[in-house]
N, C-alpha and C. Protein backbone atom coordinates (compact mmCIF):
# COMPACT_ATOMS: atom_id res chain seq x y z
N UNK A 1 16.41 -19.22 -0.85
CA UNK A 1 14.96 -19.24 -0.81
C UNK A 1 14.44 -17.98 -0.13
N UNK A 2 15.04 -17.56 1.02
CA UNK A 2 14.60 -16.37 1.71
C UNK A 2 14.72 -15.13 0.86
N UNK A 3 15.74 -15.05 0.09
CA UNK A 3 15.98 -13.87 -0.79
C UNK A 3 14.85 -13.76 -1.79
N UNK A 4 14.46 -14.92 -2.34
CA UNK A 4 13.33 -14.87 -3.33
C UNK A 4 12.06 -14.41 -2.63
N UNK A 5 11.78 -14.94 -1.43
CA UNK A 5 10.57 -14.53 -0.66
C UNK A 5 10.66 -13.00 -0.36
N UNK A 6 11.82 -12.49 0.05
CA UNK A 6 11.98 -11.09 0.32
C UNK A 6 11.67 -10.21 -0.93
N UNK A 7 12.26 -10.63 -2.04
CA UNK A 7 12.10 -9.88 -3.29
C UNK A 7 10.60 -9.95 -3.72
N UNK A 8 10.01 -11.09 -3.65
CA UNK A 8 8.57 -11.27 -4.05
C UNK A 8 7.74 -10.39 -3.14
N UNK A 9 8.04 -10.40 -1.84
CA UNK A 9 7.25 -9.62 -0.88
C UNK A 9 7.30 -8.13 -1.21
N UNK A 10 8.36 -7.65 -1.77
CA UNK A 10 8.48 -6.24 -2.10
C UNK A 10 7.48 -5.85 -3.17
N UNK A 11 6.98 -6.81 -3.94
CA UNK A 11 6.02 -6.55 -5.04
C UNK A 11 4.58 -6.41 -4.52
N UNK A 12 4.38 -6.75 -3.27
CA UNK A 12 3.00 -6.73 -2.68
C UNK A 12 2.82 -5.44 -1.88
N UNK A 13 1.76 -4.74 -2.19
CA UNK A 13 1.53 -3.45 -1.50
C UNK A 13 0.59 -3.68 -0.30
N UNK A 14 1.11 -3.42 0.84
CA UNK A 14 0.35 -3.58 2.12
C UNK A 14 0.11 -2.24 2.83
N UNK A 15 0.33 -1.15 2.10
CA UNK A 15 0.17 0.19 2.71
C UNK A 15 -1.24 0.47 2.98
N UNK A 16 -1.46 1.19 4.07
CA UNK A 16 -2.72 1.67 4.55
C UNK A 16 -3.76 0.56 4.75
N UNK A 17 -3.32 -0.59 5.26
CA UNK A 17 -4.22 -1.72 5.55
C UNK A 17 -4.03 -2.03 7.01
N UNK A 18 -5.12 -2.53 7.62
CA UNK A 18 -5.01 -3.10 8.95
C UNK A 18 -4.25 -4.40 8.85
N UNK A 19 -3.69 -4.92 9.91
CA UNK A 19 -2.92 -6.09 9.91
C UNK A 19 -3.66 -7.29 9.38
N UNK A 20 -4.98 -7.45 9.73
CA UNK A 20 -5.75 -8.56 9.24
C UNK A 20 -6.01 -8.46 7.73
N UNK A 21 -6.25 -7.31 7.27
CA UNK A 21 -6.46 -7.11 5.84
C UNK A 21 -5.16 -7.34 5.09
N UNK A 22 -4.04 -6.87 5.63
CA UNK A 22 -2.78 -7.05 4.96
C UNK A 22 -2.35 -8.50 4.92
N UNK A 23 -2.68 -9.19 6.00
CA UNK A 23 -2.34 -10.64 6.06
C UNK A 23 -3.14 -11.38 4.99
N UNK A 24 -4.40 -11.05 4.84
CA UNK A 24 -5.24 -11.67 3.80
C UNK A 24 -4.67 -11.37 2.42
N UNK A 25 -4.30 -10.13 2.17
CA UNK A 25 -3.70 -9.71 0.91
C UNK A 25 -2.45 -10.51 0.65
N UNK A 26 -1.57 -10.57 1.57
CA UNK A 26 -0.28 -11.24 1.46
C UNK A 26 -0.41 -12.73 1.21
N UNK A 27 -1.29 -13.33 1.99
CA UNK A 27 -1.36 -14.82 1.91
C UNK A 27 -2.13 -15.35 0.66
N UNK A 28 -2.80 -14.40 0.03
CA UNK A 28 -3.49 -14.83 -1.22
C UNK A 28 -2.50 -15.31 -2.32
N UNK A 29 -1.24 -14.95 -2.12
CA UNK A 29 -0.21 -15.30 -3.11
C UNK A 29 0.49 -16.62 -2.76
N UNK A 30 0.16 -17.20 -1.58
CA UNK A 30 0.86 -18.39 -1.15
C UNK A 30 -0.14 -19.50 -0.77
N UNK A 31 0.31 -20.71 -0.93
CA UNK A 31 -0.38 -21.82 -0.32
C UNK A 31 0.51 -22.23 0.85
N UNK A 32 0.09 -22.00 2.06
CA UNK A 32 1.03 -22.24 3.17
C UNK A 32 1.33 -23.70 3.30
N UNK A 33 2.65 -23.98 3.49
CA UNK A 33 3.01 -25.38 3.61
C UNK A 33 2.65 -25.93 5.02
N UNK A 34 2.69 -27.23 5.15
CA UNK A 34 2.34 -27.87 6.38
C UNK A 34 3.46 -27.75 7.45
N UNK A 35 4.62 -27.49 7.01
CA UNK A 35 5.78 -27.44 7.93
C UNK A 35 5.82 -26.11 8.68
N UNK A 36 5.83 -26.22 9.98
CA UNK A 36 5.78 -25.01 10.81
C UNK A 36 6.94 -24.05 10.63
N UNK A 37 8.14 -24.56 10.38
CA UNK A 37 9.27 -23.71 10.15
C UNK A 37 9.14 -22.82 8.90
N UNK A 38 8.60 -23.42 7.89
CA UNK A 38 8.37 -22.65 6.64
C UNK A 38 7.28 -21.64 6.86
N UNK A 39 6.20 -21.95 7.48
CA UNK A 39 5.16 -21.01 7.82
C UNK A 39 5.74 -19.84 8.62
N UNK A 40 6.61 -20.17 9.58
CA UNK A 40 7.20 -19.21 10.41
C UNK A 40 8.00 -18.20 9.59
N UNK A 41 8.73 -18.73 8.64
CA UNK A 41 9.56 -17.81 7.75
C UNK A 41 8.69 -16.88 6.88
N UNK A 42 7.60 -17.43 6.40
CA UNK A 42 6.71 -16.65 5.59
C UNK A 42 6.03 -15.54 6.47
N UNK A 43 5.60 -15.91 7.69
CA UNK A 43 4.99 -14.90 8.57
C UNK A 43 5.98 -13.87 9.01
N UNK A 44 7.25 -14.23 9.22
CA UNK A 44 8.26 -13.29 9.60
C UNK A 44 8.52 -12.29 8.47
N UNK A 45 8.52 -12.80 7.24
CA UNK A 45 8.66 -11.90 6.08
C UNK A 45 7.46 -10.99 5.94
N UNK A 46 6.28 -11.54 6.14
CA UNK A 46 5.05 -10.69 6.09
C UNK A 46 5.15 -9.56 7.14
N UNK A 47 5.56 -9.89 8.37
CA UNK A 47 5.64 -8.91 9.45
C UNK A 47 6.60 -7.78 9.10
N UNK A 48 7.76 -8.14 8.50
CA UNK A 48 8.74 -7.13 8.12
C UNK A 48 8.22 -6.20 7.03
N UNK A 49 7.56 -6.83 6.03
CA UNK A 49 6.97 -6.05 4.96
C UNK A 49 5.83 -5.16 5.48
N UNK A 50 4.95 -5.73 6.35
CA UNK A 50 3.86 -4.96 6.84
C UNK A 50 4.38 -3.74 7.66
N UNK A 51 5.36 -3.93 8.50
CA UNK A 51 5.91 -2.85 9.29
C UNK A 51 6.57 -1.83 8.41
N UNK A 52 7.29 -2.23 7.39
CA UNK A 52 7.88 -1.30 6.46
C UNK A 52 6.86 -0.42 5.72
N UNK A 53 5.78 -1.07 5.29
CA UNK A 53 4.71 -0.40 4.57
C UNK A 53 3.83 0.49 5.45
N UNK A 54 3.82 0.18 6.73
CA UNK A 54 2.90 0.88 7.63
C UNK A 54 3.65 1.33 8.90
N UNK A 55 4.74 2.02 8.74
CA UNK A 55 5.58 2.36 9.88
C UNK A 55 4.92 3.41 10.79
N UNK A 56 3.82 3.92 10.41
CA UNK A 56 3.03 4.87 11.20
C UNK A 56 1.88 4.14 12.00
N UNK A 57 1.93 2.81 11.96
CA UNK A 57 0.82 2.07 12.64
C UNK A 57 1.10 1.99 14.11
N UNK A 58 0.26 1.28 14.81
CA UNK A 58 0.34 1.18 16.31
C UNK A 58 1.54 0.23 16.71
N UNK A 59 2.08 -0.51 15.79
CA UNK A 59 3.17 -1.42 16.10
C UNK A 59 4.50 -0.73 16.23
N UNK A 60 5.20 -1.11 17.27
CA UNK A 60 6.48 -0.44 17.56
C UNK A 60 7.63 -1.14 16.83
N UNK A 61 7.40 -2.34 16.33
CA UNK A 61 8.48 -3.04 15.63
C UNK A 61 7.87 -4.14 14.74
N UNK A 62 8.70 -4.65 13.85
CA UNK A 62 8.29 -5.80 13.00
C UNK A 62 8.04 -7.01 13.85
N UNK A 63 8.79 -7.13 15.00
CA UNK A 63 8.56 -8.29 15.89
C UNK A 63 7.17 -8.24 16.51
N UNK A 64 6.70 -7.07 16.83
CA UNK A 64 5.33 -6.98 17.32
C UNK A 64 4.30 -7.42 16.29
N UNK A 65 4.53 -7.01 15.05
CA UNK A 65 3.68 -7.47 13.98
C UNK A 65 3.71 -8.94 13.77
N UNK A 66 4.89 -9.49 13.93
CA UNK A 66 5.08 -10.93 13.79
C UNK A 66 4.33 -11.71 14.84
N UNK A 67 4.49 -11.23 16.05
CA UNK A 67 3.84 -11.94 17.16
C UNK A 67 2.32 -11.94 17.00
N UNK A 68 1.76 -10.80 16.67
CA UNK A 68 0.30 -10.75 16.51
C UNK A 68 -0.18 -11.56 15.28
N UNK A 69 0.52 -11.45 14.21
CA UNK A 69 0.09 -12.17 13.01
C UNK A 69 0.22 -13.71 13.24
N UNK A 70 1.18 -14.15 13.94
CA UNK A 70 1.28 -15.58 14.21
C UNK A 70 0.22 -16.07 15.13
N UNK A 71 -0.09 -15.26 16.16
CA UNK A 71 -1.24 -15.57 17.04
C UNK A 71 -2.53 -15.58 16.30
N UNK A 72 -2.70 -14.69 15.35
CA UNK A 72 -3.94 -14.68 14.56
C UNK A 72 -4.06 -16.00 13.74
N UNK A 73 -2.91 -16.46 13.22
CA UNK A 73 -2.96 -17.69 12.47
C UNK A 73 -3.28 -18.87 13.44
N UNK A 74 -2.77 -18.86 14.58
CA UNK A 74 -3.06 -19.88 15.56
C UNK A 74 -4.53 -19.97 15.85
N UNK A 75 -5.14 -18.76 16.08
CA UNK A 75 -6.57 -18.66 16.35
C UNK A 75 -7.42 -19.21 15.19
N UNK A 76 -7.06 -18.79 14.00
CA UNK A 76 -7.73 -19.20 12.79
C UNK A 76 -7.66 -20.74 12.65
N UNK A 77 -6.52 -21.36 12.92
CA UNK A 77 -6.37 -22.74 12.84
C UNK A 77 -7.28 -23.46 13.82
N UNK A 78 -7.25 -22.96 15.03
CA UNK A 78 -8.10 -23.61 16.10
C UNK A 78 -9.58 -23.46 15.76
N UNK A 79 -9.96 -22.38 15.15
CA UNK A 79 -11.37 -22.19 14.83
C UNK A 79 -11.84 -23.10 13.80
N UNK A 80 -11.00 -23.39 12.75
CA UNK A 80 -11.43 -24.15 11.61
C UNK A 80 -10.87 -25.54 11.45
N UNK A 81 -10.01 -25.97 12.39
CA UNK A 81 -9.46 -27.27 12.29
C UNK A 81 -10.27 -28.24 13.16
N UNK A 82 -10.95 -29.24 12.51
CA UNK A 82 -11.81 -30.13 13.28
C UNK A 82 -11.02 -31.03 14.22
N UNK A 83 -9.71 -31.20 14.06
CA UNK A 83 -8.89 -31.97 14.96
C UNK A 83 -8.62 -31.33 16.28
N UNK A 84 -8.92 -30.05 16.39
CA UNK A 84 -8.69 -29.33 17.68
C UNK A 84 -9.86 -29.67 18.57
N UNK A 85 -9.55 -30.38 19.67
CA UNK A 85 -10.63 -30.83 20.56
C UNK A 85 -10.96 -29.77 21.59
N UNK A 86 -9.99 -29.09 22.08
CA UNK A 86 -10.14 -28.13 23.18
C UNK A 86 -9.50 -26.78 22.71
N UNK A 87 -10.31 -25.84 22.20
CA UNK A 87 -9.74 -24.59 21.73
C UNK A 87 -9.07 -23.78 22.85
N UNK A 88 -8.17 -22.90 22.45
CA UNK A 88 -7.45 -22.10 23.31
C UNK A 88 -8.43 -21.12 24.06
N UNK A 89 -8.24 -20.93 25.35
CA UNK A 89 -9.08 -19.95 26.09
C UNK A 89 -8.49 -18.58 25.88
N UNK A 90 -9.22 -17.56 26.29
CA UNK A 90 -8.78 -16.20 26.23
C UNK A 90 -7.56 -16.00 27.11
N UNK A 91 -7.58 -16.68 28.26
CA UNK A 91 -6.44 -16.55 29.21
C UNK A 91 -5.18 -17.15 28.62
N UNK A 92 -5.31 -18.26 27.93
CA UNK A 92 -4.15 -18.88 27.24
C UNK A 92 -3.64 -17.97 26.15
N UNK A 93 -4.57 -17.36 25.41
CA UNK A 93 -4.18 -16.44 24.33
C UNK A 93 -3.39 -15.25 24.91
N UNK A 94 -3.93 -14.67 26.00
CA UNK A 94 -3.23 -13.53 26.60
C UNK A 94 -1.85 -13.91 27.09
N UNK A 95 -1.70 -15.14 27.63
CA UNK A 95 -0.37 -15.55 28.06
C UNK A 95 0.57 -15.66 26.94
N UNK A 96 0.11 -16.23 25.79
CA UNK A 96 0.99 -16.35 24.62
C UNK A 96 1.37 -14.95 24.12
N UNK A 97 0.32 -14.05 24.14
CA UNK A 97 0.61 -12.67 23.63
C UNK A 97 1.35 -11.82 24.65
N UNK A 98 1.52 -12.33 25.85
CA UNK A 98 2.19 -11.55 26.96
C UNK A 98 1.50 -10.25 27.20
N UNK A 99 0.19 -10.29 27.25
CA UNK A 99 -0.65 -9.08 27.49
C UNK A 99 -0.86 -8.93 28.98
């Protein structure tokens, strides 16, 4: 399954995009599953592809891209999910991001 995801990801052009634009471009091809482990694999593949296509960006590694993209997804979920009663604070976000 991961090999298929890797090969499919190679067909998506993420060059010269900011990470948020690239994430939007990438995710338009997927309906994210509800299972966290599957979402994690998709986001990991996104980060690797983004870093490969934009190796001159501010990110020092694909891991840095992955961390930020996953945190962006968490914020998006908290913003739009009515089941979230107490949204993450900025301090909590910084702690997760290790800033």
